[in-house]
N, C-alpha and C. Protein backbone atom coordinates (compact mmCIF):
# COMPACT_ATOMS: atom_id res chain seq x y z
N UNK A 1 -45.00 -24.00 84.31
CA UNK A 1 -44.77 -25.16 83.49
C UNK A 1 -43.32 -25.60 83.65
N UNK A 2 -43.10 -26.86 83.91
CA UNK A 2 -41.76 -27.43 84.06
C UNK A 2 -41.58 -28.54 83.04
N UNK A 3 -40.39 -28.55 82.42
CA UNK A 3 -40.04 -29.61 81.48
C UNK A 3 -38.63 -30.07 81.80
N UNK A 4 -38.46 -31.39 81.91
CA UNK A 4 -37.13 -31.94 82.12
C UNK A 4 -36.97 -33.17 81.23
N UNK A 5 -35.88 -33.17 80.48
CA UNK A 5 -35.58 -34.28 79.58
C UNK A 5 -34.14 -34.69 79.84
N UNK A 6 -33.90 -35.97 80.03
CA UNK A 6 -32.53 -36.44 80.20
C UNK A 6 -32.33 -37.71 79.38
N UNK A 7 -31.10 -37.88 78.92
CA UNK A 7 -30.80 -39.03 78.05
C UNK A 7 -29.33 -39.35 78.12
N UNK A 8 -29.01 -40.64 78.22
CA UNK A 8 -27.64 -41.12 78.10
C UNK A 8 -27.46 -41.62 76.67
N UNK A 9 -26.40 -41.17 76.01
CA UNK A 9 -26.13 -41.59 74.64
C UNK A 9 -24.85 -42.42 74.63
N UNK A 10 -24.98 -43.74 74.48
CA UNK A 10 -23.83 -44.63 74.57
C UNK A 10 -22.75 -44.34 73.51
N UNK A 11 -23.16 -43.95 72.31
CA UNK A 11 -22.21 -43.70 71.23
C UNK A 11 -21.14 -42.68 71.63
N UNK A 12 -21.52 -41.64 72.35
CA UNK A 12 -20.56 -40.62 72.78
C UNK A 12 -20.33 -40.65 74.30
N UNK A 13 -20.81 -41.69 74.95
CA UNK A 13 -20.62 -41.93 76.38
C UNK A 13 -20.90 -40.67 77.21
N UNK A 14 -22.05 -40.10 76.98
CA UNK A 14 -22.40 -38.85 77.65
C UNK A 14 -23.86 -38.85 78.07
N UNK A 15 -24.10 -38.14 79.18
CA UNK A 15 -25.47 -37.91 79.65
C UNK A 15 -25.81 -36.45 79.43
N UNK A 16 -27.05 -36.21 79.02
CA UNK A 16 -27.52 -34.86 78.79
C UNK A 16 -28.81 -34.66 79.56
N UNK A 17 -28.98 -33.45 80.07
CA UNK A 17 -30.24 -33.13 80.75
C UNK A 17 -30.60 -31.69 80.42
N UNK A 18 -31.82 -31.50 80.00
CA UNK A 18 -32.36 -30.17 79.72
C UNK A 18 -33.50 -29.94 80.70
N UNK A 19 -33.42 -28.82 81.40
CA UNK A 19 -34.45 -28.47 82.37
C UNK A 19 -34.94 -27.07 82.04
N UNK A 20 -36.25 -26.90 81.92
CA UNK A 20 -36.82 -25.61 81.58
C UNK A 20 -38.05 -25.34 82.45
N UNK A 21 -38.14 -24.10 82.94
CA UNK A 21 -39.28 -23.68 83.78
C UNK A 21 -39.80 -22.35 83.25
N UNK A 22 -41.11 -22.22 83.19
CA UNK A 22 -41.72 -20.96 82.74
C UNK A 22 -42.92 -20.66 83.62
N UNK A 23 -42.93 -19.45 84.19
CA UNK A 23 -44.02 -19.05 85.07
C UNK A 23 -44.53 -17.68 84.65
N UNK A 24 -45.83 -17.51 84.72
CA UNK A 24 -46.47 -16.21 84.47
C UNK A 24 -47.37 -15.92 85.66
N UNK A 25 -47.30 -14.70 86.14
CA UNK A 25 -48.24 -14.30 87.18
C UNK A 25 -48.86 -12.97 86.80
N UNK A 26 -50.16 -12.91 86.91
CA UNK A 26 -50.92 -11.68 86.68
C UNK A 26 -51.54 -11.28 88.01
N UNK A 27 -51.38 -10.01 88.37
CA UNK A 27 -51.94 -9.56 89.64
C UNK A 27 -52.19 -8.05 89.58
N UNK A 28 -52.96 -7.58 90.53
CA UNK A 28 -53.25 -6.16 90.64
C UNK A 28 -52.66 -5.63 91.94
N UNK A 29 -52.25 -4.35 91.90
CA UNK A 29 -51.75 -3.74 93.12
C UNK A 29 -51.91 -2.23 93.07
N UNK A 30 -51.68 -1.61 94.22
CA UNK A 30 -51.70 -0.16 94.36
C UNK A 30 -50.37 0.25 94.98
N UNK A 31 -49.69 1.19 94.35
CA UNK A 31 -48.41 1.67 94.86
C UNK A 31 -48.51 3.18 95.08
N UNK A 32 -48.17 3.63 96.28
CA UNK A 32 -48.13 5.06 96.60
C UNK A 32 -49.41 5.80 96.18
N UNK A 33 -50.53 5.33 96.62
CA UNK A 33 -51.83 5.95 96.34
C UNK A 33 -52.18 6.03 94.85
N UNK A 34 -51.65 5.12 94.06
CA UNK A 34 -51.98 5.09 92.64
C UNK A 34 -53.34 4.41 92.44
N UNK A 35 -53.78 4.40 91.22
CA UNK A 35 -54.98 3.64 90.88
C UNK A 35 -54.61 2.16 90.87
N UNK A 36 -55.62 1.33 90.91
CA UNK A 36 -55.40 -0.11 90.84
C UNK A 36 -54.73 -0.44 89.50
N UNK A 37 -53.58 -1.09 89.56
CA UNK A 37 -52.81 -1.39 88.35
C UNK A 37 -52.81 -2.88 88.06
N UNK A 38 -52.80 -3.20 86.79
CA UNK A 38 -52.67 -4.60 86.34
C UNK A 38 -51.18 -4.86 86.09
N UNK A 39 -50.65 -5.96 86.64
CA UNK A 39 -49.23 -6.32 86.52
C UNK A 39 -49.10 -7.71 85.92
N UNK A 40 -47.95 -7.90 85.29
CA UNK A 40 -47.66 -9.22 84.72
C UNK A 40 -46.16 -9.49 84.91
N UNK A 41 -45.86 -10.61 85.55
CA UNK A 41 -44.47 -11.05 85.72
C UNK A 41 -44.29 -12.35 84.96
N UNK A 42 -43.16 -12.44 84.27
CA UNK A 42 -42.79 -13.67 83.57
C UNK A 42 -41.41 -14.09 84.03
N UNK A 43 -41.22 -15.37 84.19
CA UNK A 43 -39.92 -15.90 84.58
C UNK A 43 -39.65 -17.17 83.78
N UNK A 44 -38.48 -17.22 83.15
CA UNK A 44 -38.07 -18.37 82.36
C UNK A 44 -36.67 -18.77 82.80
N UNK A 45 -36.47 -20.03 83.08
CA UNK A 45 -35.14 -20.54 83.40
C UNK A 45 -34.88 -21.78 82.57
N UNK A 46 -33.68 -21.85 82.03
CA UNK A 46 -33.25 -23.00 81.23
C UNK A 46 -31.87 -23.43 81.70
N UNK A 47 -31.67 -24.72 81.80
CA UNK A 47 -30.32 -25.22 82.09
C UNK A 47 -30.07 -26.47 81.24
N UNK A 48 -28.85 -26.56 80.78
CA UNK A 48 -28.42 -27.69 79.96
C UNK A 48 -27.20 -28.30 80.63
N UNK A 49 -27.31 -29.59 81.01
CA UNK A 49 -26.25 -30.31 81.71
C UNK A 49 -25.69 -31.38 80.80
N UNK A 50 -24.36 -31.49 80.80
CA UNK A 50 -23.69 -32.51 79.99
C UNK A 50 -22.60 -33.13 80.84
N UNK A 51 -22.54 -34.46 80.86
CA UNK A 51 -21.53 -35.17 81.65
C UNK A 51 -21.03 -36.35 80.84
N UNK A 52 -19.72 -36.49 80.77
CA UNK A 52 -19.13 -37.62 80.04
C UNK A 52 -18.89 -38.79 80.99
N UNK A 53 -18.84 -39.97 80.41
CA UNK A 53 -18.56 -41.20 81.17
C UNK A 53 -17.55 -42.03 80.38
N UNK A 54 -16.51 -41.36 79.89
CA UNK A 54 -15.50 -42.05 79.10
C UNK A 54 -14.78 -43.10 79.94
N UNK A 55 -14.33 -44.13 79.27
CA UNK A 55 -13.58 -45.18 79.95
C UNK A 55 -12.09 -44.85 79.92
N UNK A 56 -11.80 -43.59 80.17
CA UNK A 56 -10.41 -43.11 80.27
C UNK A 56 -10.33 -42.28 81.55
N UNK A 57 -9.14 -41.88 81.97
CA UNK A 57 -9.02 -41.16 83.25
C UNK A 57 -9.63 -39.76 83.28
N UNK A 58 -9.96 -39.17 82.14
CA UNK A 58 -10.46 -37.79 82.12
C UNK A 58 -11.94 -37.76 81.72
N UNK A 59 -12.73 -37.01 82.49
CA UNK A 59 -14.13 -36.79 82.16
C UNK A 59 -14.50 -35.34 82.45
N UNK A 60 -15.65 -34.93 81.93
CA UNK A 60 -16.06 -33.54 82.02
C UNK A 60 -17.51 -33.42 82.47
N UNK A 61 -17.81 -32.29 83.08
CA UNK A 61 -19.18 -31.93 83.40
C UNK A 61 -19.36 -30.47 83.04
N UNK A 62 -20.51 -30.13 82.50
CA UNK A 62 -20.79 -28.73 82.19
C UNK A 62 -22.28 -28.46 82.39
N UNK A 63 -22.59 -27.34 83.03
CA UNK A 63 -23.96 -26.89 83.17
C UNK A 63 -24.04 -25.44 82.73
N UNK A 64 -24.85 -25.20 81.72
CA UNK A 64 -25.08 -23.83 81.24
C UNK A 64 -26.50 -23.45 81.62
N UNK A 65 -26.65 -22.28 82.25
CA UNK A 65 -27.97 -21.83 82.69
C UNK A 65 -28.24 -20.41 82.22
N UNK A 66 -29.52 -20.16 81.90
CA UNK A 66 -29.96 -18.83 81.50
C UNK A 66 -31.29 -18.55 82.19
N UNK A 67 -31.37 -17.38 82.83
CA UNK A 67 -32.59 -16.95 83.50
C UNK A 67 -33.06 -15.65 82.88
N UNK A 68 -34.36 -15.55 82.66
CA UNK A 68 -34.98 -14.36 82.09
C UNK A 68 -36.18 -13.99 82.93
N UNK A 69 -36.24 -12.74 83.34
CA UNK A 69 -37.43 -12.29 84.06
C UNK A 69 -37.88 -10.95 83.49
N UNK A 70 -39.19 -10.78 83.43
CA UNK A 70 -39.78 -9.56 82.89
C UNK A 70 -40.93 -9.15 83.80
N UNK A 71 -40.87 -7.92 84.25
CA UNK A 71 -41.90 -7.38 85.12
C UNK A 71 -42.48 -6.15 84.44
N UNK A 72 -43.81 -6.15 84.24
CA UNK A 72 -44.45 -5.03 83.54
C UNK A 72 -45.81 -4.74 84.16
N UNK A 73 -46.09 -3.44 84.27
CA UNK A 73 -47.44 -3.06 84.64
C UNK A 73 -47.98 -2.15 83.56
N UNK A 74 -49.27 -1.94 83.58
CA UNK A 74 -49.89 -1.14 82.53
C UNK A 74 -49.31 0.28 82.51
N UNK A 75 -49.14 0.81 81.32
CA UNK A 75 -48.66 2.18 81.10
C UNK A 75 -47.22 2.43 81.52
N UNK A 76 -46.40 1.39 81.70
CA UNK A 76 -44.99 1.60 82.05
C UNK A 76 -44.12 0.66 81.22
N UNK A 77 -42.85 1.02 81.15
CA UNK A 77 -41.89 0.16 80.46
C UNK A 77 -41.70 -1.13 81.24
N UNK A 78 -41.26 -2.15 80.54
CA UNK A 78 -40.99 -3.42 81.19
C UNK A 78 -39.59 -3.40 81.81
N UNK A 79 -39.44 -4.08 82.93
CA UNK A 79 -38.14 -4.28 83.56
C UNK A 79 -37.70 -5.70 83.25
N UNK A 80 -36.57 -5.81 82.58
CA UNK A 80 -36.11 -7.12 82.11
C UNK A 80 -34.74 -7.43 82.71
N UNK A 81 -34.59 -8.64 83.23
CA UNK A 81 -33.32 -9.13 83.76
C UNK A 81 -32.95 -10.41 83.01
N UNK A 82 -31.73 -10.46 82.49
CA UNK A 82 -31.17 -11.65 81.84
C UNK A 82 -29.90 -12.04 82.58
N UNK A 83 -29.78 -13.29 82.96
CA UNK A 83 -28.63 -13.77 83.72
C UNK A 83 -28.09 -15.04 83.07
N UNK A 84 -26.76 -15.16 83.03
CA UNK A 84 -26.10 -16.35 82.49
C UNK A 84 -25.16 -16.94 83.52
N UNK A 85 -25.04 -18.27 83.49
CA UNK A 85 -24.08 -18.95 84.36
C UNK A 85 -23.58 -20.19 83.65
N UNK A 86 -22.28 -20.44 83.77
CA UNK A 86 -21.70 -21.66 83.20
C UNK A 86 -20.77 -22.29 84.23
N UNK A 87 -21.03 -23.55 84.55
CA UNK A 87 -20.19 -24.31 85.48
C UNK A 87 -19.51 -25.42 84.68
N UNK A 88 -18.20 -25.48 84.78
CA UNK A 88 -17.44 -26.49 84.04
C UNK A 88 -16.49 -27.19 84.99
N UNK A 89 -16.40 -28.51 84.86
CA UNK A 89 -15.55 -29.29 85.76
C UNK A 89 -14.80 -30.34 84.96
N UNK A 90 -13.50 -30.43 85.23
CA UNK A 90 -12.66 -31.49 84.67
C UNK A 90 -12.34 -32.46 85.79
N UNK A 91 -12.60 -33.73 85.55
CA UNK A 91 -12.37 -34.78 86.55
C UNK A 91 -11.29 -35.70 85.99
N UNK A 92 -10.23 -35.85 86.77
CA UNK A 92 -9.09 -36.66 86.34
C UNK A 92 -8.82 -37.72 87.39
N UNK A 93 -8.91 -38.98 86.97
CA UNK A 93 -8.68 -40.11 87.89
C UNK A 93 -7.64 -41.02 87.24
N UNK A 94 -6.33 -40.67 87.40
CA UNK A 94 -5.27 -41.43 86.72
C UNK A 94 -5.08 -42.84 87.28
N UNK A 95 -5.34 -43.00 88.56
CA UNK A 95 -5.21 -44.29 89.22
C UNK A 95 -6.42 -44.51 90.11
N UNK A 96 -6.60 -45.73 90.54
CA UNK A 96 -7.75 -46.09 91.35
C UNK A 96 -7.84 -45.24 92.63
N UNK A 97 -6.71 -44.90 93.23
CA UNK A 97 -6.70 -44.22 94.52
C UNK A 97 -6.63 -42.69 94.43
N UNK A 98 -6.33 -42.16 93.26
CA UNK A 98 -6.14 -40.72 93.09
C UNK A 98 -7.30 -40.09 92.34
N UNK A 99 -7.68 -38.90 92.77
CA UNK A 99 -8.77 -38.17 92.14
C UNK A 99 -8.41 -36.68 92.14
N UNK A 100 -8.44 -36.06 90.96
CA UNK A 100 -8.18 -34.63 90.81
C UNK A 100 -9.38 -33.99 90.14
N UNK A 101 -9.67 -32.77 90.52
CA UNK A 101 -10.72 -32.03 89.80
C UNK A 101 -10.39 -30.54 89.79
N UNK A 102 -10.79 -29.91 88.70
CA UNK A 102 -10.69 -28.46 88.56
C UNK A 102 -12.06 -27.99 88.10
N UNK A 103 -12.61 -27.02 88.79
CA UNK A 103 -13.93 -26.53 88.40
C UNK A 103 -13.92 -25.01 88.29
N UNK A 104 -14.67 -24.54 87.30
CA UNK A 104 -14.82 -23.10 87.11
C UNK A 104 -16.30 -22.77 87.14
N UNK A 105 -16.57 -21.55 87.57
CA UNK A 105 -17.95 -21.08 87.63
C UNK A 105 -17.95 -19.63 87.13
N UNK A 106 -18.57 -19.43 85.97
CA UNK A 106 -18.67 -18.09 85.38
C UNK A 106 -20.10 -17.61 85.58
N UNK A 107 -20.24 -16.38 86.06
CA UNK A 107 -21.57 -15.85 86.35
C UNK A 107 -21.67 -14.42 85.83
N UNK A 108 -22.68 -14.17 85.02
CA UNK A 108 -22.97 -12.83 84.50
C UNK A 108 -24.36 -12.45 85.00
N UNK A 109 -24.44 -11.65 86.08
CA UNK A 109 -25.75 -11.33 86.66
C UNK A 109 -26.69 -10.59 85.72
N UNK A 110 -26.14 -9.77 84.83
CA UNK A 110 -26.98 -9.01 83.89
C UNK A 110 -26.28 -8.91 82.55
N UNK A 111 -26.93 -9.35 81.49
CA UNK A 111 -26.31 -9.26 80.17
C UNK A 111 -26.20 -7.81 79.70
N UNK A 112 -26.89 -6.90 80.37
CA UNK A 112 -26.77 -5.48 80.05
C UNK A 112 -25.53 -4.83 80.67
N UNK A 113 -24.96 -5.49 81.67
CA UNK A 113 -23.78 -4.96 82.38
C UNK A 113 -22.66 -5.99 82.31
N UNK A 114 -22.06 -6.13 81.15
CA UNK A 114 -21.06 -7.17 80.95
C UNK A 114 -19.77 -6.95 81.74
N UNK A 115 -19.55 -5.73 82.22
CA UNK A 115 -18.36 -5.48 83.04
C UNK A 115 -18.50 -6.12 84.42
N UNK A 116 -19.71 -6.34 84.86
CA UNK A 116 -19.97 -6.90 86.18
C UNK A 116 -20.18 -8.41 86.05
N UNK A 117 -19.07 -9.12 85.95
CA UNK A 117 -19.12 -10.57 85.82
C UNK A 117 -18.19 -11.19 86.86
N UNK A 118 -18.43 -12.47 87.14
CA UNK A 118 -17.67 -13.15 88.18
C UNK A 118 -17.14 -14.47 87.64
N UNK A 119 -15.92 -14.79 88.03
CA UNK A 119 -15.30 -16.04 87.60
C UNK A 119 -14.63 -16.67 88.82
N UNK A 120 -15.04 -17.89 89.14
CA UNK A 120 -14.49 -18.60 90.29
C UNK A 120 -13.78 -19.86 89.79
N UNK A 121 -12.69 -20.20 90.44
CA UNK A 121 -11.91 -21.37 90.06
C UNK A 121 -11.51 -22.11 91.33
N UNK A 122 -11.80 -23.41 91.36
CA UNK A 122 -11.49 -24.26 92.51
C UNK A 122 -10.79 -25.52 92.03
N UNK A 123 -10.04 -26.13 92.91
CA UNK A 123 -9.38 -27.40 92.58
C UNK A 123 -9.34 -28.30 93.81
N UNK A 124 -9.25 -29.59 93.56
CA UNK A 124 -9.14 -30.53 94.68
C UNK A 124 -8.34 -31.76 94.26
N UNK A 125 -7.66 -32.34 95.25
CA UNK A 125 -6.88 -33.56 95.07
C UNK A 125 -7.25 -34.49 96.22
N UNK A 126 -7.52 -35.75 95.90
CA UNK A 126 -7.88 -36.71 96.94
C UNK A 126 -7.09 -37.99 96.74
N UNK A 127 -6.59 -38.53 97.83
CA UNK A 127 -5.92 -39.83 97.80
C UNK A 127 -6.60 -40.73 98.83
N UNK A 128 -6.96 -41.93 98.40
CA UNK A 128 -7.57 -42.92 99.30
C UNK A 128 -6.62 -44.12 99.35
N UNK A 129 -6.25 -44.55 100.57
CA UNK A 129 -5.30 -45.65 100.72
C UNK A 129 -5.86 -46.95 100.14
N UNK A 130 -4.97 -47.86 99.82
CA UNK A 130 -5.36 -49.15 99.23
C UNK A 130 -6.38 -49.89 100.09
N UNK A 131 -6.15 -49.89 101.39
CA UNK A 131 -7.06 -50.61 102.29
C UNK A 131 -8.26 -49.75 102.72
N UNK A 132 -8.35 -48.54 102.18
CA UNK A 132 -9.45 -47.60 102.44
C UNK A 132 -9.58 -47.24 103.91
N UNK A 133 -8.49 -47.38 104.67
CA UNK A 133 -8.51 -47.04 106.09
C UNK A 133 -8.31 -45.55 106.32
N UNK A 134 -7.61 -44.90 105.41
CA UNK A 134 -7.40 -43.45 105.56
C UNK A 134 -7.49 -42.76 104.21
N UNK A 135 -7.74 -41.46 104.28
CA UNK A 135 -7.93 -40.65 103.08
C UNK A 135 -7.39 -39.26 103.33
N UNK A 136 -6.80 -38.65 102.30
CA UNK A 136 -6.31 -37.27 102.39
C UNK A 136 -6.92 -36.45 101.26
N UNK A 137 -7.37 -35.25 101.61
CA UNK A 137 -7.95 -34.33 100.64
C UNK A 137 -7.28 -32.97 100.75
N UNK A 138 -6.96 -32.38 99.62
CA UNK A 138 -6.49 -31.00 99.57
C UNK A 138 -7.43 -30.25 98.65
N UNK A 139 -8.04 -29.20 99.17
CA UNK A 139 -8.98 -28.39 98.40
C UNK A 139 -8.49 -26.95 98.41
N UNK A 140 -8.46 -26.34 97.22
CA UNK A 140 -8.11 -24.92 97.12
C UNK A 140 -9.30 -24.22 96.48
N UNK A 141 -9.82 -23.23 97.16
CA UNK A 141 -11.01 -22.50 96.72
C UNK A 141 -10.65 -21.06 96.35
N UNK A 142 -11.43 -20.52 95.42
CA UNK A 142 -11.33 -19.12 95.00
C UNK A 142 -9.92 -18.76 94.50
N UNK A 143 -9.43 -19.55 93.58
CA UNK A 143 -8.10 -19.29 93.01
C UNK A 143 -8.02 -17.94 92.29
N UNK A 144 -9.13 -17.43 91.81
CA UNK A 144 -9.13 -16.12 91.15
C UNK A 144 -9.22 -14.97 92.15
N UNK A 145 -9.39 -15.31 93.41
CA UNK A 145 -9.40 -14.34 94.51
C UNK A 145 -10.49 -13.27 94.36
N UNK A 146 -11.67 -13.68 93.92
CA UNK A 146 -12.82 -12.75 93.88
C UNK A 146 -13.11 -12.30 95.31
N UNK A 147 -13.39 -11.01 95.50
CA UNK A 147 -13.60 -10.52 96.86
C UNK A 147 -15.07 -10.29 97.22
N UNK A 148 -15.96 -10.25 96.21
CA UNK A 148 -17.38 -10.11 96.52
C UNK A 148 -18.21 -10.67 95.38
N UNK A 149 -19.48 -10.78 95.67
CA UNK A 149 -20.44 -11.29 94.70
C UNK A 149 -21.68 -10.43 94.81
N UNK A 150 -22.22 -10.01 93.67
CA UNK A 150 -23.38 -9.13 93.69
C UNK A 150 -24.38 -9.53 92.62
N UNK A 151 -25.65 -9.47 92.97
CA UNK A 151 -26.73 -9.76 92.04
C UNK A 151 -27.82 -8.71 92.23
N UNK A 152 -28.30 -8.13 91.13
CA UNK A 152 -29.32 -7.09 91.18
C UNK A 152 -30.55 -7.55 90.40
N UNK A 153 -31.72 -7.43 91.01
CA UNK A 153 -33.00 -7.73 90.37
C UNK A 153 -33.86 -6.47 90.44
N UNK A 154 -34.42 -6.06 89.29
CA UNK A 154 -35.21 -4.84 89.23
C UNK A 154 -36.64 -5.15 88.77
N UNK A 155 -37.59 -4.53 89.44
CA UNK A 155 -38.99 -4.61 89.02
C UNK A 155 -39.56 -3.20 89.03
N UNK A 156 -40.85 -3.07 88.78
CA UNK A 156 -41.45 -1.73 88.73
C UNK A 156 -41.55 -1.08 90.10
N UNK A 157 -41.48 -1.86 91.18
CA UNK A 157 -41.63 -1.28 92.51
C UNK A 157 -40.37 -1.39 93.37
N UNK A 158 -39.37 -2.14 92.91
CA UNK A 158 -38.18 -2.29 93.76
C UNK A 158 -36.95 -2.69 92.97
N UNK A 159 -35.84 -2.43 93.59
CA UNK A 159 -34.55 -2.95 93.11
C UNK A 159 -33.95 -3.70 94.28
N UNK A 160 -33.69 -4.97 94.09
CA UNK A 160 -33.12 -5.80 95.14
C UNK A 160 -31.67 -6.07 94.81
N UNK A 161 -30.79 -5.75 95.76
CA UNK A 161 -29.36 -5.98 95.58
C UNK A 161 -28.91 -7.00 96.61
N UNK A 162 -28.39 -8.10 96.13
CA UNK A 162 -27.83 -9.13 96.99
C UNK A 162 -26.31 -9.05 96.83
N UNK A 163 -25.62 -8.72 97.88
CA UNK A 163 -24.16 -8.61 97.82
C UNK A 163 -23.57 -9.32 99.03
N UNK A 164 -22.54 -10.09 98.76
CA UNK A 164 -21.86 -10.78 99.85
C UNK A 164 -20.36 -10.73 99.62
N UNK A 165 -19.64 -10.59 100.71
CA UNK A 165 -18.19 -10.65 100.64
C UNK A 165 -17.77 -12.11 100.61
N UNK A 166 -16.70 -12.36 99.89
CA UNK A 166 -16.23 -13.74 99.71
C UNK A 166 -14.88 -13.91 100.39
N UNK A 167 -14.69 -15.05 100.99
CA UNK A 167 -13.41 -15.37 101.62
C UNK A 167 -12.34 -15.40 100.54
N UNK A 168 -11.19 -14.75 100.77
CA UNK A 168 -10.11 -14.80 99.77
C UNK A 168 -9.63 -16.24 99.56
N UNK A 169 -8.80 -16.42 98.56
CA UNK A 169 -8.30 -17.77 98.25
C UNK A 169 -7.82 -18.46 99.54
N UNK A 170 -8.22 -19.72 99.67
CA UNK A 170 -7.79 -20.49 100.84
C UNK A 170 -7.64 -21.95 100.46
N UNK A 171 -6.96 -22.69 101.31
CA UNK A 171 -6.85 -24.13 101.09
C UNK A 171 -7.26 -24.85 102.36
N UNK A 172 -7.69 -26.06 102.16
CA UNK A 172 -8.14 -26.90 103.27
C UNK A 172 -7.52 -28.27 103.09
N UNK A 173 -6.87 -28.75 104.12
CA UNK A 173 -6.28 -30.08 104.12
C UNK A 173 -7.07 -30.93 105.10
N UNK A 174 -7.55 -32.07 104.64
CA UNK A 174 -8.38 -32.93 105.44
C UNK A 174 -7.78 -34.33 105.45
N UNK A 175 -7.57 -34.88 106.63
CA UNK A 175 -7.09 -36.27 106.78
C UNK A 175 -8.17 -37.05 107.52
N UNK A 176 -8.55 -38.20 106.99
CA UNK A 176 -9.59 -39.02 107.61
C UNK A 176 -9.03 -40.41 107.89
N UNK A 177 -9.46 -40.95 109.01
CA UNK A 177 -9.05 -42.30 109.38
C UNK A 177 -10.31 -43.10 109.73
N UNK A 178 -10.50 -44.23 109.10
CA UNK A 178 -11.66 -45.09 109.38
C UNK A 178 -11.24 -46.25 110.25
N UNK A 179 -11.98 -46.50 111.31
CA UNK A 179 -11.68 -47.62 112.22
C UNK A 179 -12.44 -48.83 111.79
C-alpha cells in the first residue's frame, strides 16, 4: 500500500509532502533441513518533506524518513530494524547571480545502536555571470570527514552488512563557459 499527499500552503509559503509505504509478505520456507515454516515480513517507510518558498534570500528544505522492518517466523522471536534519516538544506540566494547552500544528512541505521550514527555536511557556492556566458561552482563535500558508512539488516536467516569507505573531505571547482 502506498500513500502520498502533498500540499502547498500559501499562508506559510511552504510545500509539504508525506509519503508512506507498507508491505506485508507471507511465505513458507525450509532452512537447514527444518520443517516447512510459515514466515511473515513487514516493511513500513514514512517520509515527510518540507520546503519553503519565502520571498526572501533564505529558504529551507527538510526530509525526515523512518523505516521499520519486522521479520518473523513461527516459534521464533521477531527481528526488528528501525532506521532514521534527516536531510536538511539551507539555500541562500542574496543576489540574482549568487547561490549558496549548506546541507546536512543525519543517518541512524539502527535505533538500538545509537552510537553507530553518521552525520554528513556539504556546502556549495555558485556564481553565474550577468550574460550567463560563464559559471563558477565551488563544492565542498564531507566536511565532517566521515571515513565509512555501514548499514546492517537482520532477519531470521541472514544478517546483511553493507559497508563502504567514503572519500575524505574534498572540494571541487568547476568553471563552465557557454558558447
